[in-house]
C-alpha atoms as a PDB file:
ATOM      1  CA  UNK A   1     -33.785   6.622  65.280  1.00  0.00           C
ATOM      2  CA  UNK A   2     -30.871   4.396  66.239  1.00  0.00           C
ATOM      3  CA  UNK A   3     -31.804   1.301  68.252  1.00  0.00           C
ATOM      4  CA  UNK A   4     -30.642   1.226  71.857  1.00  0.00           C
ATOM      5  CA  UNK A   5     -28.217  -1.437  73.058  1.00  0.00           C
ATOM      6  CA  UNK A   6     -29.279  -4.273  75.364  1.00  0.00           C
ATOM      7  CA  UNK A   7     -26.689  -5.174  78.003  1.00  0.00           C
ATOM      8  CA  UNK A   8     -27.130  -7.636  80.846  1.00  0.00           C
ATOM      9  CA  UNK A   9     -25.379  -8.250  84.148  1.00  0.00           C
ATOM     10  CA  UNK A  10     -25.063 -11.865  85.234  1.00  0.00           C
ATOM     11  CA  UNK A  11     -23.402 -13.745  88.058  1.00  0.00           C
ATOM     12  CA  UNK A  12     -24.045 -16.062  90.994  1.00  0.00           C
ATOM     13  CA  UNK A  13     -25.861 -14.896  94.100  1.00  0.00           C
ATOM     14  CA  UNK A  14     -23.590 -12.617  96.094  1.00  0.00           C
ATOM     15  CA  UNK A  15     -21.636 -11.391  93.074  1.00  0.00           C
ATOM     16  CA  UNK A  16     -22.922  -7.843  93.567  1.00  0.00           C
ATOM     17  CA  UNK A  17     -24.885  -7.467  90.317  1.00  0.00           C
ATOM     18  CA  UNK A  18     -27.522  -5.126  91.728  1.00  0.00           C
ATOM     19  CA  UNK A  19     -25.065  -2.849  93.517  1.00  0.00           C
ATOM     20  CA  UNK A  20     -22.659  -2.732  90.595  1.00  0.00           C
ATOM     21  CA  UNK A  21     -25.245  -2.259  87.834  1.00  0.00           C
ATOM     22  CA  UNK A  22     -26.963   0.501  89.834  1.00  0.00           C
ATOM     23  CA  UNK A  23     -23.667   2.349  90.322  1.00  0.00           C
ATOM     24  CA  UNK A  24     -22.754   1.986  86.647  1.00  0.00           C
ATOM     25  CA  UNK A  25     -26.107   3.292  85.416  1.00  0.00           C
ATOM     26  CA  UNK A  26     -26.019   6.211  87.856  1.00  0.00           C
ATOM     27  CA  UNK A  27     -22.630   7.237  86.487  1.00  0.00           C
ATOM     28  CA  UNK A  28     -23.757   6.877  82.872  1.00  0.00           C
ATOM     29  CA  UNK A  29     -26.859   8.994  83.510  1.00  0.00           C
ATOM     30  CA  UNK A  30     -24.706  11.683  85.113  1.00  0.00           C
ATOM     31  CA  UNK A  31     -22.839  11.815  81.791  1.00  0.00           C
ATOM     32  CA  UNK A  32     -26.121  12.446  79.998  1.00  0.00           C
ATOM     33  CA  UNK A  33     -26.483   9.009  78.418  1.00  0.00           C
ATOM     34  CA  UNK A  34     -29.900   7.511  77.720  1.00  0.00           C
ATOM     35  CA  UNK A  35     -29.865   4.416  79.925  1.00  0.00           C
ATOM     36  CA  UNK A  36     -32.610   2.388  81.595  1.00  0.00           C
ATOM     37  CA  UNK A  37     -31.843   0.002  84.459  1.00  0.00           C
ATOM     38  CA  UNK A  38     -34.222  -2.893  84.973  1.00  0.00           C
ATOM     39  CA  UNK A  39     -34.145  -6.334  86.592  1.00  0.00           C
ATOM     40  CA  UNK A  40     -35.269  -9.931  86.461  1.00  0.00           C
ATOM     41  CA  UNK A  41     -37.296 -11.478  87.775  1.00  0.00           C
ATOM     42  CA  UNK A  42     -39.445  -8.368  87.647  1.00  0.00           C
ATOM     43  CA  UNK A  43     -39.109  -5.042  85.884  1.00  0.00           C
ATOM     44  CA  UNK A  44     -42.810  -4.518  85.179  1.00  0.00           C
ATOM     45  CA  UNK A  45     -45.940  -4.779  87.337  1.00  0.00           C
ATOM     46  CA  UNK A  46     -46.964  -8.270  86.230  1.00  0.00           C
ATOM     47  CA  UNK A  47     -43.376  -9.527  86.181  1.00  0.00           C
ATOM     48  CA  UNK A  48     -42.848  -8.200  89.714  1.00  0.00           C
ATOM     49  CA  UNK A  49     -45.926 -10.103  90.900  1.00  0.00           C
ATOM     50  CA  UNK A  50     -44.494 -13.284  89.382  1.00  0.00           C
ATOM     51  CA  UNK A  51     -41.175 -12.455  91.102  1.00  0.00           C
ATOM     52  CA  UNK A  52     -42.940 -12.430  94.458  1.00  0.00           C
ATOM     53  CA  UNK A  53     -44.254 -15.936  93.808  1.00  0.00           C
ATOM     54  CA  UNK A  54     -40.900 -17.295  92.634  1.00  0.00           C
ATOM     55  CA  UNK A  55     -38.785 -15.888  95.469  1.00  0.00           C
ATOM     56  CA  UNK A  56     -41.258 -16.215  98.349  1.00  0.00           C
ATOM     57  CA  UNK A  57     -39.389 -18.401 100.883  1.00  0.00           C
ATOM     58  CA  UNK A  58     -42.668 -20.050 101.965  1.00  0.00           C
ATOM     59  CA  UNK A  59     -43.163 -21.590  98.488  1.00  0.00           C
ATOM     60  CA  UNK A  60     -40.962 -24.554  99.291  1.00  0.00           C
ATOM     61  CA  UNK A  61     -43.199 -26.996  97.421  1.00  0.00           C
ATOM     62  CA  UNK A  62     -42.635 -25.304  94.046  1.00  0.00           C
ATOM     63  CA  UNK A  63     -41.752 -27.818  91.330  1.00  0.00           C
ATOM     64  CA  UNK A  64     -38.570 -27.155  89.338  1.00  0.00           C
ATOM     65  CA  UNK A  65     -40.424 -27.049  86.003  1.00  0.00           C
ATOM     66  CA  UNK A  66     -42.998 -24.665  87.456  1.00  0.00           C
ATOM     67  CA  UNK A  67     -40.144 -22.438  88.551  1.00  0.00           C
ATOM     68  CA  UNK A  68     -38.603 -22.486  85.072  1.00  0.00           C
ATOM     69  CA  UNK A  69     -41.942 -21.680  83.429  1.00  0.00           C
ATOM     70  CA  UNK A  70     -42.585 -18.797  85.820  1.00  0.00           C
ATOM     71  CA  UNK A  71     -39.183 -17.309  85.032  1.00  0.00           C
ATOM     72  CA  UNK A  72     -39.921 -17.560  81.315  1.00  0.00           C
ATOM     73  CA  UNK A  73     -43.363 -15.985  81.803  1.00  0.00           C
ATOM     74  CA  UNK A  74     -42.055 -12.970  83.702  1.00  0.00           C
ATOM     75  CA  UNK A  75     -39.259 -12.633  81.148  1.00  0.00           C
ATOM     76  CA  UNK A  76     -41.757 -12.401  78.306  1.00  0.00           C
ATOM     77  CA  UNK A  77     -43.777  -9.707  80.045  1.00  0.00           C
ATOM     78  CA  UNK A  78     -40.658  -7.778  81.025  1.00  0.00           C
ATOM     79  CA  UNK A  79     -39.298  -7.977  77.480  1.00  0.00           C
ATOM     80  CA  UNK A  80     -42.414  -6.796  75.625  1.00  0.00           C
ATOM     81  CA  UNK A  81     -43.460  -4.194  78.185  1.00  0.00           C
ATOM     82  CA  UNK A  82     -40.113  -2.674  79.207  1.00  0.00           C
ATOM     83  CA  UNK A  83     -37.059  -3.776  77.218  1.00  0.00           C
ATOM     84  CA  UNK A  84     -38.189  -3.740  73.587  1.00  0.00           C
ATOM     85  CA  UNK A  85     -40.088  -0.406  73.739  1.00  0.00           C
ATOM     86  CA  UNK A  86     -37.085   1.306  75.353  1.00  0.00           C
ATOM     87  CA  UNK A  87     -34.663  -0.093  72.758  1.00  0.00           C
ATOM     88  CA  UNK A  88     -36.976   1.019  69.951  1.00  0.00           C
ATOM     89  CA  UNK A  89     -36.852   4.581  71.336  1.00  0.00           C
ATOM     90  CA  UNK A  90     -33.050   4.595  71.296  1.00  0.00           C
ATOM     91  CA  UNK A  91     -32.657   4.006  75.024  1.00  0.00           C
ATOM     92  CA  UNK A  92     -29.902   1.655  76.144  1.00  0.00           C
ATOM     93  CA  UNK A  93     -31.234  -1.025  78.479  1.00  0.00           C
ATOM     94  CA  UNK A  94     -29.165  -2.617  81.234  1.00  0.00           C
ATOM     95  CA  UNK A  95     -30.833  -5.569  82.922  1.00  0.00           C
ATOM     96  CA  UNK A  96     -29.840  -7.206  86.184  1.00  0.00           C
ATOM     97  CA  UNK A  97     -30.227 -10.830  84.920  1.00  0.00           C
ATOM     98  CA  UNK A  98     -31.845 -12.257  81.775  1.00  0.00           C
ATOM     99  CA  UNK A  99     -32.017 -15.655  80.094  1.00  0.00           C
ATOM    100  CA  UNK A 100     -28.511 -16.779  81.125  1.00  0.00           C
ATOM    101  CA  UNK A 101     -29.759 -16.943  84.717  1.00  0.00           C
ATOM    102  CA  UNK A 102     -32.397 -19.501  83.797  1.00  0.00           C
ATOM    103  CA  UNK A 103     -29.853 -21.616  81.946  1.00  0.00           C
ATOM    104  CA  UNK A 104     -27.577 -21.662  85.007  1.00  0.00           C
ATOM    105  CA  UNK A 105     -30.160 -21.872  87.806  1.00  0.00           C
ATOM    106  CA  UNK A 106     -32.901 -24.035  86.308  1.00  0.00           C
ATOM    107  CA  UNK A 107     -30.945 -25.725  83.541  1.00  0.00           C
ATOM    108  CA  UNK A 108     -28.001 -26.750  85.725  1.00  0.00           C
ATOM    109  CA  UNK A 109     -28.919 -25.922  89.333  1.00  0.00           C
ATOM    110  CA  UNK A 110     -32.293 -27.671  89.085  1.00  0.00           C
ATOM    111  CA  UNK A 111     -30.861 -30.194  86.594  1.00  0.00           C
ATOM    112  CA  UNK A 112     -33.611 -29.617  84.018  1.00  0.00           C
ATOM    113  CA  UNK A 113     -31.105 -29.401  81.161  1.00  0.00           C
ATOM    114  CA  UNK A 114     -29.928 -26.258  79.433  1.00  0.00           C
ATOM    115  CA  UNK A 115     -31.393 -27.153  76.046  1.00  0.00           C
ATOM    116  CA  UNK A 116     -34.806 -27.778  77.615  1.00  0.00           C
ATOM    117  CA  UNK A 117     -34.738 -24.512  79.539  1.00  0.00           C
ATOM    118  CA  UNK A 118     -33.542 -22.598  76.476  1.00  0.00           C
ATOM    119  CA  UNK A 119     -36.437 -24.031  74.461  1.00  0.00           C
ATOM    120  CA  UNK A 120     -38.918 -22.647  77.002  1.00  0.00           C
ATOM    121  CA  UNK A 121     -37.214 -19.282  76.891  1.00  0.00           C
ATOM    122  CA  UNK A 122     -36.945 -19.087  73.118  1.00  0.00           C
ATOM    123  CA  UNK A 123     -40.742 -19.188  73.053  1.00  0.00           C
ATOM    124  CA  UNK A 124     -40.707 -16.252  75.487  1.00  0.00           C
ATOM    125  CA  UNK A 125     -37.972 -14.072  73.984  1.00  0.00           C
ATOM    126  CA  UNK A 126     -38.355 -14.864  70.252  1.00  0.00           C
ATOM    127  CA  UNK A 127     -34.634 -14.616  69.637  1.00  0.00           C
ATOM    128  CA  UNK A 128     -34.063 -11.331  71.469  1.00  0.00           C
ATOM    129  CA  UNK A 129     -30.698 -11.629  73.229  1.00  0.00           C
ATOM    130  CA  UNK A 130     -28.342  -9.059  74.781  1.00  0.00           C
ATOM    131  CA  UNK A 131     -25.528  -7.681  72.638  1.00  0.00           C
ATOM    132  CA  UNK A 132     -23.121  -7.969  75.592  1.00  0.00           C
ATOM    133  CA  UNK A 133     -23.207  -9.569  79.037  1.00  0.00           C
ATOM    134  CA  UNK A 134     -21.125  -8.406  81.982  1.00  0.00           C
ATOM    135  CA  UNK A 135     -20.433 -11.547  84.005  1.00  0.00           C
ATOM    136  CA  UNK A 136     -19.397 -10.922  87.609  1.00  0.00           C
ATOM    137  CA  UNK A 137     -17.298 -13.940  88.414  1.00  0.00           C
ATOM    138  CA  UNK A 138     -17.201 -15.149  92.019  1.00  0.00           C
ATOM    139  CA  UNK A 139     -16.924 -18.634  93.583  1.00  0.00           C
ATOM    140  CA  UNK A 140     -20.131 -20.037  95.075  1.00  0.00           C
ATOM    141  CA  UNK A 141     -18.628 -20.200  98.554  1.00  0.00           C
ATOM    142  CA  UNK A 142     -17.680 -16.524  98.628  1.00  0.00           C
ATOM    143  CA  UNK A 143     -21.009 -15.475  97.122  1.00  0.00           C
ATOM    144  CA  UNK A 144     -22.975 -17.342  99.784  1.00  0.00           C
ATOM    145  CA  UNK A 145     -20.767 -15.920 102.506  1.00  0.00           C
ATOM    146  CA  UNK A 146     -21.573 -12.407 101.290  1.00  0.00           C
ATOM    147  CA  UNK A 147     -25.304 -13.140 101.135  1.00  0.00           C
ATOM    148  CA  UNK A 148     -25.478 -14.397 104.688  1.00  0.00           C
ATOM    149  CA  UNK A 149     -23.354 -11.490 105.920  1.00  0.00           C
ATOM    150  CA  UNK A 150     -25.100  -8.664 104.068  1.00  0.00           C
ATOM    151  CA  UNK A 151     -28.771  -9.637 103.621  1.00  0.00           C
ATOM    152  CA  UNK A 152     -31.223  -9.415 106.521  1.00  0.00           C
ATOM    153  CA  UNK A 153     -33.815 -11.540 104.688  1.00  0.00           C
ATOM    154  CA  UNK A 154     -32.991 -14.456 102.384  1.00  0.00           C
ATOM    155  CA  UNK A 155     -35.290 -15.319  99.476  1.00  0.00           C
ATOM    156  CA  UNK A 156     -36.145 -18.866  98.389  1.00  0.00           C
ATOM    157  CA  UNK A 157     -33.099 -19.275  96.131  1.00  0.00           C
ATOM    158  CA  UNK A 158     -30.728 -17.615  98.605  1.00  0.00           C
ATOM    159  CA  UNK A 159     -31.683 -20.332 101.091  1.00  0.00           C
ATOM    160  CA  UNK A 160     -30.534 -23.160  98.833  1.00  0.00           C
ATOM    161  CA  UNK A 161     -27.471 -25.056 100.056  1.00  0.00           C
ATOM    162  CA  UNK A 162     -23.900 -24.768  98.809  1.00  0.00           C
ATOM    163  CA  UNK A 163     -24.257 -27.838  96.578  1.00  0.00           C
ATOM    164  CA  UNK A 164     -27.020 -26.099  94.608  1.00  0.00           C
ATOM    165  CA  UNK A 165     -25.023 -22.899  94.214  1.00  0.00           C
ATOM    166  CA  UNK A 166     -21.989 -24.861  93.067  1.00  0.00           C
ATOM    167  CA  UNK A 167     -24.120 -26.413  90.318  1.00  0.00           C
ATOM    168  CA  UNK A 168     -25.301 -22.932  89.350  1.00  0.00           C
ATOM    169  CA  UNK A 169     -21.694 -21.733  89.139  1.00  0.00           C
ATOM    170  CA  UNK A 170     -20.844 -24.718  86.939  1.00  0.00           C
ATOM    171  CA  UNK A 171     -23.838 -23.861  84.784  1.00  0.00           C
ATOM    172  CA  UNK A 172     -22.598 -20.333  84.319  1.00  0.00           C
ATOM    173  CA  UNK A 173     -19.226 -21.645  83.141  1.00  0.00           C
ATOM    174  CA  UNK A 174     -21.046 -23.627  80.450  1.00  0.00           C
ATOM    175  CA  UNK A 175     -23.089 -20.559  79.481  1.00  0.00           C
ATOM    176  CA  UNK A 176     -19.906 -18.497  79.196  1.00  0.00           C
ATOM    177  CA  UNK A 177     -18.328 -21.029  76.852  1.00  0.00           C
ATOM    178  CA  UNK A 178     -21.489 -21.249  74.747  1.00  0.00           C
ATOM    179  CA  UNK A 179     -21.844 -17.473  74.363  1.00  0.00           C
ATOM    180  CA  UNK A 180     -18.220 -16.435  74.766  1.00  0.00           C
ATOM    181  CA  UNK A 181     -18.390 -13.801  72.010  1.00  0.00           C
ATOM    182  CA  UNK A 182     -20.775 -11.599  74.030  1.00  0.00           C
ATOM    183  CA  UNK A 183     -19.300 -12.196  77.484  1.00  0.00           C
ATOM    184  CA  UNK A 184     -17.166  -9.672  79.368  1.00  0.00           C
ATOM    185  CA  UNK A 185     -15.858 -11.406  82.493  1.00  0.00           C
ATOM    186  CA  UNK A 186     -15.004  -9.361  85.573  1.00  0.00           C
ATOM    187  CA  UNK A 187     -13.442 -10.696  88.771  1.00  0.00           C
ATOM    188  CA  UNK A 188     -16.083  -9.884  91.400  1.00  0.00           C
ATOM    189  CA  UNK A 189     -14.063 -11.196  94.359  1.00  0.00           C
ATOM    190  CA  UNK A 190     -12.209  -7.870  94.553  1.00  0.00           C
ATOM    191  CA  UNK A 191     -13.335  -4.656  96.267  1.00  0.00           C
ATOM    192  CA  UNK A 192     -16.680  -3.188  95.288  1.00  0.00           C
ATOM    193  CA  UNK A 193     -14.982  -0.045  93.966  1.00  0.00           C
ATOM    194  CA  UNK A 194     -12.725  -2.031  91.629  1.00  0.00           C
ATOM    195  CA  UNK A 195     -15.617  -4.111  90.303  1.00  0.00           C
ATOM    196  CA  UNK A 196     -17.768  -1.027  89.716  1.00  0.00           C
ATOM    197  CA  UNK A 197     -14.951   0.755  87.865  1.00  0.00           C
ATOM    198  CA  UNK A 198     -14.183  -2.211  85.597  1.00  0.00           C
ATOM    199  CA  UNK A 199     -17.886  -2.754  84.921  1.00  0.00           C
ATOM    200  CA  UNK A 200     -18.385   0.927  84.105  1.00  0.00           C
ATOM    201  CA  UNK A 201     -15.484   0.878  81.663  1.00  0.00           C
ATOM    202  CA  UNK A 202     -16.849  -2.289  80.039  1.00  0.00           C
ATOM    203  CA  UNK A 203     -20.390  -0.919  79.617  1.00  0.00           C
ATOM    204  CA  UNK A 204     -19.071   2.442  78.408  1.00  0.00           C
ATOM    205  CA  UNK A 205     -16.977   0.579  75.847  1.00  0.00           C
ATOM    206  CA  UNK A 206     -20.028  -1.318  74.598  1.00  0.00           C
ATOM    207  CA  UNK A 207     -22.072   1.854  74.297  1.00  0.00           C
ATOM    208  CA  UNK A 208     -19.215   3.592  72.472  1.00  0.00           C
ATOM    209  CA  UNK A 209     -18.763   0.628  70.136  1.00  0.00           C
ATOM    210  CA  UNK A 210     -15.215  -0.204  71.264  1.00  0.00           C
ATOM    211  CA  UNK A 211     -16.031  -3.498  73.005  1.00  0.00           C
END
């Protein structure tokens, strides 16, 4: 049986990853493709429980290293319980966030260092990386504006100030340069319909082996 392909969606808060990835997977399933949509933090029961701890807005005292370790822990559980079994059964997996998020948010946003955060995550993922990453590119200011306009409840990271989100955006630029060969960059400042269409074409191209 042919191994499934592992594709991730990345981008700053407010880039529309969840909406776009959901629309793309729905369209692919309608075409009869074997595709599983999952997310981080979360994706499995234990990982979702860790997600609740990480994003709970009342956990303001959480240490930055604790946060990074919790992300790595949920990632491990998500990977071994959801992602790897699906790939082994020939199912293509599309994940809303993966390790690149930790590099940008904890490595740069929390200023823990990307190499240090990657070391934690290498222990968790054992070298398993996506074959392609769809990066939804949007400035921090516009992303935050969308969050505050569209979300009724803000989680702990949503509530961080603009300075933090600018550091995250800078971190993503470093991640893109480091892993440029697997990145497909899409301008997410445009209409939702345009972003969904471009993302669909990109993912379809990856699945068909043309991108």
